[in-house]
Every structure is written in structure tokens, then in C-alpha cells.
Amino acid sequence: MYGQFRVIDADGHVMEPDALYDDYLDPGFRPQLAALREAARARPMQTFFGLLHTIRSGRPLGAVEPYEPIVRTAGFLEVPKGGWDPRTRLADMDAEGIDVAVVFPTGVSSFCALDDPAFESAMYEAYARWVGEYCLAAPDRPRAVAVVNMRDPVQGAREIRRWRREAWCVGIYCSGHIDGKLLDHPDLFPLWDAAQGEDLPICFHGGTARPPYGCGTFEFAESFFLMHAATNPFEQMRALGALIGGGVLERFPRLRVAFLEAGVGWVPFWLDRLDEHYERLPAYAPLLSRAPSAHVRGPQVFVSCDPDESTLPVCVDALGAERILYASDYPHFDSRFPNTAKLIAERPELSEEAKRKILGENARRLYPRLGG
């Protein structure tokens, strides 16, 4: 609790250690794992996402060739160990006043860059087994989302139905696009159908400078400063536009979706644009029966905020407090830990009702497996 508020972190993270694959990967895929590591020896990184075609992204703005790439900042060097140690995480949750944290991976989604979809699914399974044990440290406090195979949506649907049986699984992690397909592509319908049938939300999440590259990644001339600032909201704009504009929410009316890691300030602007195009270019969105903004203000769509966003009160007025989720982003370098819940709970511009909804009630509606 933080004061009177029950707090649910709708989007925290683990920092999955590479060693987990030694312990949890199906032994039949050990040769592929060894080959992956051999190929990556020249690029040692803390986690596997650095091994999978991460693009060069260390150019300081204002620098021209030749320049010394920036590899890490002070923030990257101060990662709380709760990202891989659940006991530390529980202590940090207590310090913040967080009752329940829904954890997402940091690099696992980039396994879509592996050549073999079967190996990809095996890596997801290894991660799921590890994160399930991570959550066992306190079964009612850390919970997790499962990552499933979007390149093979039929297999991904099987994985959704499988992980639904695990108590730790409260949602499904998906990227905003895959292999040139937007979220309205019929090939992806098995995923949305399975999630709807299993009553699990699809949580759209992105990363920076790694597969499946967010919208705009290659347009910023290797500037991590700009990539990190822009590609997450760009990607979520694309994802929301395709999902709603392509009629997915109307085809799957019980599907709940969340757009995470990009803040919420982009949403009112983007809805103005989408509504205008729905009015002026209806032939290009023939499956829409009502304005995109009506979908976002309905029961299916949720968006996480950054606790310190200056426009958060404006977004509450524009969208309704019922749509917005609190997210700590712990233990990433840009999290405001240990003050993330405090930044929401003590904002004078927000009503007590809005704070209660953002800090916990909305997450319970998105993730009903969290219980009351």
C-alpha cells in the first residue's frame, strides 16, 4: 500500500540472466544455444538482446565520424539487483509501497530474430520456467506475462493456452508488429482469438535498437538519445492505429489490450489524428464502425503512464482515468525508483478517485487473474 492506495505495478521488468538458459532450456536445443553464444563472443553484453542484431546506437548527438561510441551511462551501471533476485525485488516493492508487480522481460522479445522459430519457442519456454520460479518467491506479489511466438501464430496460440494454466501468468507480451505484418494482419488472428478465449490481455511492449525494431529505429543515425525517446511512442502509435483501424477489437470484442513503455501523452494527439482520418478517409478503414477514440475510451484498451509525465492530468481529462495504468519500469535505468508510486499518489492535480484507479483498480481490470 501507499497511504490509502492499493498499488499494482502494471509494467515492471526482470533483467533475465543469460545463465537461465543453461538451467531451463530444452536439452535438445543446446547446440543452437552454443552456436548463438559462439557468434556473440565478440559482442559481450549482460543479456541476450545484445546478441541478436542490436544495431549500433552509441553516437552522441553533434558527433560525426570518427567518434567514440557511448556504450553505457551511469544509469545503466546502477541496475537494482531485484531485476534477477526476487527477494531484493520484494524489499524494493515494500520500499515503494507496491503490493503487486506484473513483470515483463527485458530482452526476450528479441528472440524473434533467431533463424529457427522452434528454437525461438524453446527460448520463450526456458524464460517462462525461470520467471515462474522468480514469482514463487511470493506467489501473490510478483506475477508475470508470457512471451509467445508471433512468427508462428498457431504455435503462439498453443503457448497462450499452455501458459494460462500457470498461476504466475496474467497476460501475454506481444510486439507491435512482426516480419512486416501489422497487428491487423489475419495471420495473427489465432493469437487474438486465443487470448480472448483464455481471458488474458495482450500487452504491446517495445524495446530500443533491437528486434523487432520499433518504428523509426533506422531514421535516427545511430543516436540512442533519439531512438530511446521516439521509437517506443512511434511504435505504439503504429500498433494502436493498426489494431483499431484494422477492426481487430471489433472482431474480438472481449479482447483486452494494453500499450506500454511509451507513456500516455501521445494518446490524445494520436486519437485526434485517427478520428480525423476515420472521418475523411473512411474507405481506408472499412472495418471500423465507430471513431478510434470511442474504442480507446471503451472497456478494451489500457495505456500505461510514466509517473512524472507533465501531461498526465490532461490525459486523464481527455481519456478518462479508467484507461490509464501506473507502471514503475523498475529496474530499468529510466525508472524513477524508489519514488514511482509516490509521484502518482502525491500529485495535487489528480483527484483521489483518479489516483486510486491509476495506481491499482485499472490494473485489476486489465489483469483479472490478479484477483481482488
Protein backbone atom coordinates (compact mmCIF):
# COMPACT_ATOMS: atom_id res chain seq x y z
CA MET A 1 0.00 0.00 0.00
CA TYR A 2 0.98 3.61 -0.49
CA GLY A 3 -1.09 5.51 2.01
CA GLN A 4 -4.71 4.57 1.31
CA PHE A 5 -3.96 3.21 -2.17
CA ARG A 6 -3.52 -0.43 -3.13
CA VAL A 7 -0.75 -0.27 -5.74
CA ILE A 8 -0.31 -2.58 -8.73
CA ASP A 9 2.66 -2.03 -10.99
CA ALA A 10 1.26 -2.85 -14.43
CA ASP A 11 4.66 -2.86 -16.16
CA GLY A 12 7.83 -3.63 -14.25
CA HIS A 13 10.70 -5.74 -15.55
CA VAL A 14 13.12 -8.50 -14.82
CA MET A 15 16.68 -8.47 -16.13
CA GLU A 16 16.84 -12.07 -17.22
CA PRO A 17 20.34 -13.55 -16.74
CA ASP A 18 21.88 -15.38 -19.67
CA ALA A 19 22.63 -18.32 -17.36
CA LEU A 20 18.94 -19.16 -17.06
CA TYR A 21 19.12 -20.89 -20.46
CA ASP A 22 21.73 -23.31 -19.12
CA ASP A 23 19.26 -24.41 -16.47
CA TYR A 24 15.88 -24.22 -18.20
CA LEU A 25 16.35 -24.71 -21.97
CA ASP A 26 15.20 -28.00 -23.51
CA PRO A 27 18.45 -30.01 -23.86
CA GLY A 28 17.62 -30.72 -27.49
CA PHE A 29 18.33 -27.08 -28.30
CA ARG A 30 21.69 -26.84 -26.51
CA PRO A 31 23.66 -26.96 -29.81
CA GLN A 32 21.74 -23.92 -31.09
CA LEU A 33 22.38 -22.12 -27.81
CA ALA A 34 26.10 -22.88 -28.04
CA ALA A 35 26.21 -21.61 -31.62
CA LEU A 36 24.42 -18.41 -30.62
CA ARG A 37 26.90 -17.78 -27.85
CA GLU A 38 29.85 -18.52 -30.10
CA ALA A 39 28.61 -15.99 -32.64
CA ALA A 40 28.19 -13.42 -29.88
CA ARG A 41 31.60 -13.70 -28.22
CA ALA A 42 32.83 -10.60 -29.98
CA ARG A 43 29.89 -8.63 -28.52
CA PRO A 44 29.63 -9.47 -24.82
CA MET A 45 26.55 -7.98 -23.21
CA GLN A 46 24.73 -8.52 -19.93
CA THR A 47 21.65 -10.01 -21.55
CA PHE A 48 20.83 -11.87 -24.74
CA PHE A 49 19.27 -8.93 -26.52
CA GLY A 50 22.77 -7.66 -27.19
CA LEU A 51 23.48 -10.82 -29.15
CA LEU A 52 20.65 -10.53 -31.63
CA HIS A 53 21.47 -7.98 -34.29
CA THR A 54 21.31 -4.99 -31.98
CA ILE A 55 22.09 -2.03 -34.18
CA ARG A 56 24.86 0.40 -33.45
CA SER A 57 23.30 3.15 -31.37
CA GLY A 58 26.01 4.95 -29.46
CA ARG A 59 26.53 8.16 -31.46
CA PRO A 60 26.45 11.25 -29.26
CA LEU A 61 24.32 13.94 -30.87
CA GLY A 62 26.54 16.50 -32.54
CA ALA A 63 29.30 13.97 -33.21
CA VAL A 64 30.42 12.95 -36.69
CA GLU A 65 32.70 10.14 -37.81
CA PRO A 66 35.04 9.16 -36.38
CA TYR A 67 33.58 9.21 -32.87
CA GLU A 68 33.86 7.13 -29.74
CA PRO A 69 30.52 5.34 -29.26
CA ILE A 70 28.85 5.67 -25.90
CA VAL A 71 28.31 2.16 -24.58
CA ARG A 72 26.87 2.74 -21.12
CA THR A 73 25.72 5.60 -18.94
CA ALA A 74 25.81 5.88 -15.17
CA GLY A 75 22.17 4.82 -15.12
CA PHE A 76 22.94 1.53 -16.85
CA LEU A 77 25.60 0.78 -14.26
CA GLU A 78 23.21 1.13 -11.30
CA VAL A 79 20.62 -1.51 -12.10
CA PRO A 80 18.87 -2.72 -8.91
CA LYS A 81 19.51 -6.41 -8.47
CA GLY A 82 15.81 -7.03 -7.92
CA GLY A 83 15.71 -7.47 -11.69
CA TRP A 84 17.01 -11.01 -11.19
CA ASP A 85 16.80 -11.53 -7.42
CA PRO A 86 13.16 -11.80 -6.30
CA ARG A 87 13.95 -11.26 -2.62
CA THR A 88 15.54 -7.92 -3.41
CA ARG A 89 12.58 -7.04 -5.58
CA LEU A 90 10.15 -7.72 -2.75
CA ALA A 91 12.13 -5.42 -0.48
CA ASP A 92 12.15 -2.72 -3.17
CA MET A 93 8.41 -3.16 -3.70
CA ASP A 94 7.91 -2.64 0.02
CA ALA A 95 10.04 0.49 -0.12
CA GLU A 96 7.87 1.89 -2.91
CA GLY A 97 4.55 0.76 -1.45
CA ILE A 98 3.84 -1.65 -4.34
CA ASP A 99 1.53 -4.52 -3.47
CA VAL A 100 1.74 -6.46 -6.76
CA ALA A 101 4.16 -6.14 -9.68
CA VAL A 102 3.46 -7.55 -13.14
CA VAL A 103 6.89 -8.23 -14.61
CA PHE A 104 7.94 -8.15 -18.25
CA PRO A 105 11.21 -9.39 -19.74
CA THR A 106 13.91 -7.02 -20.87
CA GLY A 107 15.39 -8.78 -23.90
CA VAL A 108 13.41 -11.96 -24.55
CA SER A 109 11.18 -10.44 -27.23
CA SER A 110 14.24 -10.14 -29.46
CA PHE A 111 14.37 -13.91 -29.91
CA CYS A 112 12.15 -13.24 -32.93
CA ALA A 113 15.49 -12.58 -34.67
CA LEU A 114 16.54 -16.22 -34.34
CA ASP A 115 16.57 -18.16 -37.60
CA ASP A 116 14.59 -21.13 -36.27
CA PRO A 117 11.07 -20.49 -34.88
CA ALA A 118 11.24 -23.77 -32.96
CA PHE A 119 14.40 -22.60 -31.18
CA GLU A 120 12.65 -19.27 -30.58
CA SER A 121 9.74 -21.01 -28.84
CA ALA A 122 12.14 -23.13 -26.80
CA MET A 123 13.86 -19.97 -25.56
CA TYR A 124 10.48 -18.49 -24.60
CA GLU A 125 9.69 -21.67 -22.70
CA ALA A 126 13.01 -21.53 -20.84
CA TYR A 127 12.33 -17.93 -19.87
CA ALA A 128 8.79 -18.83 -18.74
CA ARG A 129 10.09 -21.58 -16.48
CA TRP A 130 12.64 -19.20 -14.97
CA VAL A 131 10.23 -16.32 -14.43
CA GLY A 132 7.68 -18.73 -12.95
CA GLU A 133 10.21 -19.66 -10.27
CA TYR A 134 11.07 -15.99 -9.80
CA CYS A 135 7.41 -15.36 -8.99
CA LEU A 136 7.32 -18.23 -6.48
CA ALA A 137 9.31 -16.09 -4.04
CA ALA A 138 5.95 -14.59 -3.06
CA PRO A 139 3.21 -16.01 -5.31
CA ASP A 140 0.70 -13.22 -4.73
CA ARG A 141 3.12 -10.33 -5.34
CA PRO A 142 5.32 -10.70 -8.44
CA ARG A 143 3.33 -12.07 -11.37
CA ALA A 144 4.43 -12.18 -14.99
CA VAL A 145 3.42 -12.05 -18.63
CA ALA A 146 4.38 -14.83 -21.02
CA VAL A 147 6.15 -14.19 -24.32
CA VAL A 148 4.79 -16.21 -27.24
CA ASN A 149 5.77 -16.86 -30.82
CA MET A 150 4.33 -14.22 -33.16
CA ARG A 151 6.18 -15.57 -36.22
CA ASP A 152 4.19 -18.82 -35.90
CA PRO A 153 0.83 -17.59 -34.58
CA VAL A 154 -0.70 -21.07 -34.45
CA GLN A 155 2.15 -22.17 -32.20
CA GLY A 156 1.84 -18.89 -30.31
CA ALA A 157 -1.83 -19.61 -29.67
CA ARG A 158 -0.89 -23.01 -28.25
CA GLU A 159 1.58 -21.28 -25.95
CA ILE A 160 -1.10 -18.85 -24.74
CA ARG A 161 -3.34 -21.77 -23.82
CA ARG A 162 -0.46 -23.57 -22.14
CA TRP A 163 0.73 -20.65 -20.01
CA ARG A 164 -2.84 -19.83 -18.99
CA ARG A 165 -2.62 -22.91 -16.77
CA GLU A 166 0.28 -21.42 -14.76
CA ALA A 167 -0.65 -19.30 -11.75
CA TRP A 168 2.10 -16.76 -12.43
CA CYS A 169 0.81 -15.89 -15.91
CA VAL A 170 -1.53 -12.90 -16.01
CA GLY A 171 -1.03 -11.66 -19.58
CA ILE A 172 0.74 -12.08 -22.90
CA TYR A 173 3.63 -9.98 -24.21
CA CYS A 174 3.48 -9.10 -27.90
CA SER A 175 5.36 -6.69 -30.12
CA GLY A 176 3.63 -4.00 -32.16
CA HIS A 177 4.48 -5.70 -35.46
CA ILE A 178 6.31 -8.77 -36.72
CA ASP A 179 8.01 -9.65 -40.01
CA GLY A 180 6.44 -6.73 -41.85
CA LYS A 181 2.95 -7.57 -40.60
CA LEU A 182 0.90 -5.03 -38.70
CA LEU A 183 -1.46 -6.12 -35.94
CA ASP A 184 -4.47 -6.23 -38.24
CA HIS A 185 -2.95 -9.00 -40.38
CA PRO A 186 -5.22 -12.07 -40.47
CA ASP A 187 -2.24 -14.35 -39.89
CA LEU A 188 -2.12 -13.01 -36.32
CA PHE A 189 -5.78 -13.71 -35.58
CA PRO A 190 -5.02 -17.04 -33.82
CA LEU A 191 -3.17 -15.06 -31.14
CA TRP A 192 -6.03 -12.64 -30.54
CA ASP A 193 -8.56 -15.46 -30.55
CA ALA A 194 -6.59 -17.50 -28.00
CA ALA A 195 -6.05 -14.51 -25.72
CA GLN A 196 -9.74 -13.63 -25.85
CA GLY A 197 -10.73 -17.23 -25.18
CA GLU A 198 -8.34 -17.57 -22.23
CA ASP A 199 -9.26 -14.13 -20.82
CA LEU A 200 -5.64 -12.96 -20.93
CA PRO A 201 -4.76 -9.42 -22.05
CA ILE A 202 -2.34 -8.79 -24.89
CA CYS A 203 0.28 -6.32 -23.71
CA PHE A 204 2.08 -4.49 -26.50
CA HIS A 205 5.58 -3.51 -25.49
CA GLY A 206 8.71 -2.37 -27.29
CA GLY A 207 12.43 -2.03 -26.87
CA THR A 208 15.12 0.22 -28.28
CA ALA A 209 17.62 -0.54 -31.06
CA ARG A 210 16.85 -4.26 -31.13
CA PRO A 211 14.49 -6.67 -32.87
CA PRO A 212 11.70 -6.38 -33.73
CA TYR A 213 12.88 -2.84 -34.40
CA GLY A 214 10.45 -0.15 -33.35
CA CYS A 215 9.03 2.30 -35.86
CA GLY A 216 11.70 4.85 -36.79
CA THR A 217 14.72 2.93 -35.46
CA PHE A 218 16.80 3.36 -38.60
CA GLU A 219 15.94 7.03 -39.16
CA PHE A 220 17.97 8.44 -36.25
CA ALA A 221 21.53 7.99 -37.50
CA GLU A 222 22.64 5.77 -34.59
CA SER A 223 21.54 8.25 -31.90
CA PHE A 224 20.36 6.28 -28.87
CA PHE A 225 19.20 9.57 -27.36
CA LEU A 226 16.62 9.96 -30.13
CA MET A 227 15.86 6.27 -30.57
CA HIS A 228 15.00 5.82 -26.93
CA ALA A 229 12.94 9.00 -26.83
CA ALA A 230 10.98 8.37 -30.01
CA THR A 231 10.72 4.76 -31.14
CA ASN A 232 8.56 3.49 -28.27
CA PRO A 233 5.78 6.05 -28.80
CA PHE A 234 6.13 5.77 -32.58
CA GLU A 235 5.76 2.01 -32.33
CA GLN A 236 2.74 2.24 -30.06
CA MET A 237 1.11 4.76 -32.38
CA ARG A 238 1.53 2.30 -35.22
CA ALA A 239 0.28 -0.59 -33.09
CA LEU A 240 -2.82 1.17 -31.80
CA GLY A 241 -3.66 2.57 -35.23
CA ALA A 242 -3.40 -0.80 -36.95
CA LEU A 243 -5.21 -2.73 -34.24
CA ILE A 244 -8.17 -0.35 -34.07
CA GLY A 245 -8.14 0.81 -37.68
CA GLY A 246 -8.00 -2.78 -38.90
CA GLY A 247 -11.11 -3.74 -36.95
CA VAL A 248 -9.35 -6.19 -34.62
CA LEU A 249 -11.13 -5.00 -31.49
CA GLU A 250 -14.48 -5.27 -33.24
CA ARG A 251 -13.69 -8.76 -34.49
CA PHE A 252 -12.56 -9.81 -30.98
CA PRO A 253 -14.88 -7.80 -28.70
CA ARG A 254 -13.75 -9.43 -25.44
CA LEU A 255 -10.03 -8.94 -26.12
CA ARG A 256 -8.28 -6.54 -23.74
CA VAL A 257 -5.11 -4.79 -24.86
CA ALA A 258 -2.53 -2.58 -23.21
CA PHE A 259 0.03 -0.23 -24.75
CA LEU A 260 3.07 0.07 -22.53
CA GLU A 261 6.52 1.63 -22.14
CA ALA A 262 5.71 4.80 -24.10
CA GLY A 263 3.87 6.96 -21.58
CA VAL A 264 0.37 8.23 -22.24
CA GLY A 265 0.93 11.76 -23.53
CA TRP A 266 0.93 10.68 -27.17
CA VAL A 267 -2.57 9.19 -26.99
CA PRO A 268 -4.84 12.28 -27.13
CA PHE A 269 -2.84 13.76 -30.02
CA TRP A 270 -2.91 10.47 -31.92
CA LEU A 271 -6.63 9.96 -31.40
CA ASP A 272 -7.32 13.40 -32.83
CA ARG A 273 -5.38 12.40 -35.92
CA LEU A 274 -7.00 8.97 -36.22
CA ASP A 275 -10.51 10.34 -35.71
CA GLU A 276 -9.92 12.91 -38.44
CA HIS A 277 -8.74 10.21 -40.83
CA TYR A 278 -11.69 7.98 -39.92
CA GLU A 279 -13.94 10.87 -40.90
CA ARG A 280 -12.07 11.95 -44.04
CA LEU A 281 -10.73 8.60 -45.34
CA PRO A 282 -13.32 6.00 -44.29
CA ALA A 283 -12.66 3.80 -47.32
CA TYR A 284 -9.17 3.11 -45.98
CA ALA A 285 -10.55 1.74 -42.70
CA PRO A 286 -13.63 -0.16 -43.87
CA LEU A 287 -13.79 -2.41 -40.81
CA LEU A 288 -14.25 0.48 -38.38
CA SER A 289 -17.81 1.13 -37.26
CA ARG A 290 -17.01 3.96 -34.86
CA ALA A 291 -14.28 6.50 -34.27
CA PRO A 292 -10.92 5.25 -32.92
CA SER A 293 -11.29 7.45 -29.84
CA ALA A 294 -14.50 5.63 -28.96
CA HIS A 295 -12.57 2.36 -28.88
CA VAL A 296 -9.88 3.78 -26.62
CA ARG A 297 -12.48 5.13 -24.22
CA GLY A 298 -14.21 1.75 -24.15
CA PRO A 299 -13.52 -1.28 -21.97
CA GLN A 300 -10.87 -2.97 -24.11
CA VAL A 301 -7.95 -0.51 -24.18
CA PHE A 302 -5.46 0.48 -21.47
CA VAL A 303 -2.33 2.65 -21.65
CA SER A 304 0.46 2.96 -19.08
CA CYS A 305 1.73 6.34 -17.95
CA ASP A 306 5.10 7.48 -16.75
CA PRO A 307 4.62 8.68 -13.16
CA ASP A 308 6.25 12.05 -13.79
CA GLU A 309 4.53 12.93 -17.09
CA SER A 310 3.57 16.59 -17.01
CA THR A 311 0.58 15.95 -19.28
CA LEU A 312 -0.91 13.16 -17.15
CA PRO A 313 -3.78 15.33 -15.79
CA VAL A 314 -4.60 16.40 -19.34
CA CYS A 315 -4.69 12.76 -20.43
CA VAL A 316 -6.98 11.87 -17.52
CA ASP A 317 -9.38 14.59 -18.67
CA ALA A 318 -9.14 13.53 -22.33
CA LEU A 319 -9.31 9.74 -21.95
CA GLY A 320 -10.79 9.12 -18.54
CA ALA A 321 -8.85 7.84 -15.55
CA GLU A 322 -10.22 4.33 -16.26
CA ARG A 323 -7.86 3.87 -19.21
CA ILE A 324 -4.53 4.68 -17.54
CA LEU A 325 -2.16 2.35 -15.72
CA TYR A 326 0.66 3.03 -13.28
CA ALA A 327 3.96 1.49 -14.37
CA SER A 328 7.25 1.68 -12.49
CA ASP A 329 9.57 0.41 -15.27
CA TYR A 330 11.74 -0.94 -12.42
CA PRO A 331 14.66 -1.80 -12.62
CA HIS A 332 15.46 -0.02 -15.88
CA PHE A 333 17.76 2.98 -15.93
CA ASP A 334 14.96 5.43 -16.68
CA SER A 335 12.70 4.29 -13.85
CA ARG A 336 12.03 6.84 -11.10
CA PHE A 337 12.56 4.17 -8.44
CA PRO A 338 12.16 4.49 -5.47
CA ASN A 339 9.56 7.22 -5.99
CA THR A 340 7.33 5.94 -8.80
CA ALA A 341 4.18 5.27 -6.74
CA LYS A 342 4.78 8.41 -4.73
CA LEU A 343 4.87 10.53 -7.90
CA ILE A 344 1.31 9.45 -8.68
CA ALA A 345 -0.09 9.33 -5.15
CA GLU A 346 1.10 12.80 -4.22
CA ARG A 347 0.17 14.68 -7.40
CA PRO A 348 -2.12 17.54 -6.35
CA GLU A 349 -3.61 17.84 -9.87
CA LEU A 350 -5.19 14.37 -9.67
CA SER A 351 -8.34 13.54 -7.74
CA GLU A 352 -8.26 10.80 -5.15
CA GLU A 353 -10.54 8.74 -7.40
CA ALA A 354 -8.17 9.11 -10.36
CA LYS A 355 -5.18 8.13 -8.22
CA ARG A 356 -6.99 5.04 -6.95
CA LYS A 357 -7.87 3.92 -10.46
CA ILE A 358 -4.43 4.59 -11.94
CA LEU A 359 -2.47 3.07 -9.07
CA GLY A 360 -4.39 -0.19 -8.89
CA GLU A 361 -8.01 -0.53 -9.91
CA ASN A 362 -7.38 -0.33 -13.64
CA ALA A 363 -4.66 -2.98 -13.47
CA ARG A 364 -7.09 -5.36 -11.78
CA ARG A 365 -9.47 -4.91 -14.71
CA LEU A 366 -6.70 -5.45 -17.24
CA TYR A 367 -5.27 -8.43 -15.37
CA PRO A 368 -8.26 -10.18 -13.73
CA ARG A 369 -6.08 -13.12 -12.68
CA LEU A 370 -4.57 -10.85 -10.05
CA GLY A 371 -7.81 -11.16 -8.15
CA GLY A 372 -9.25 -8.59 -5.77
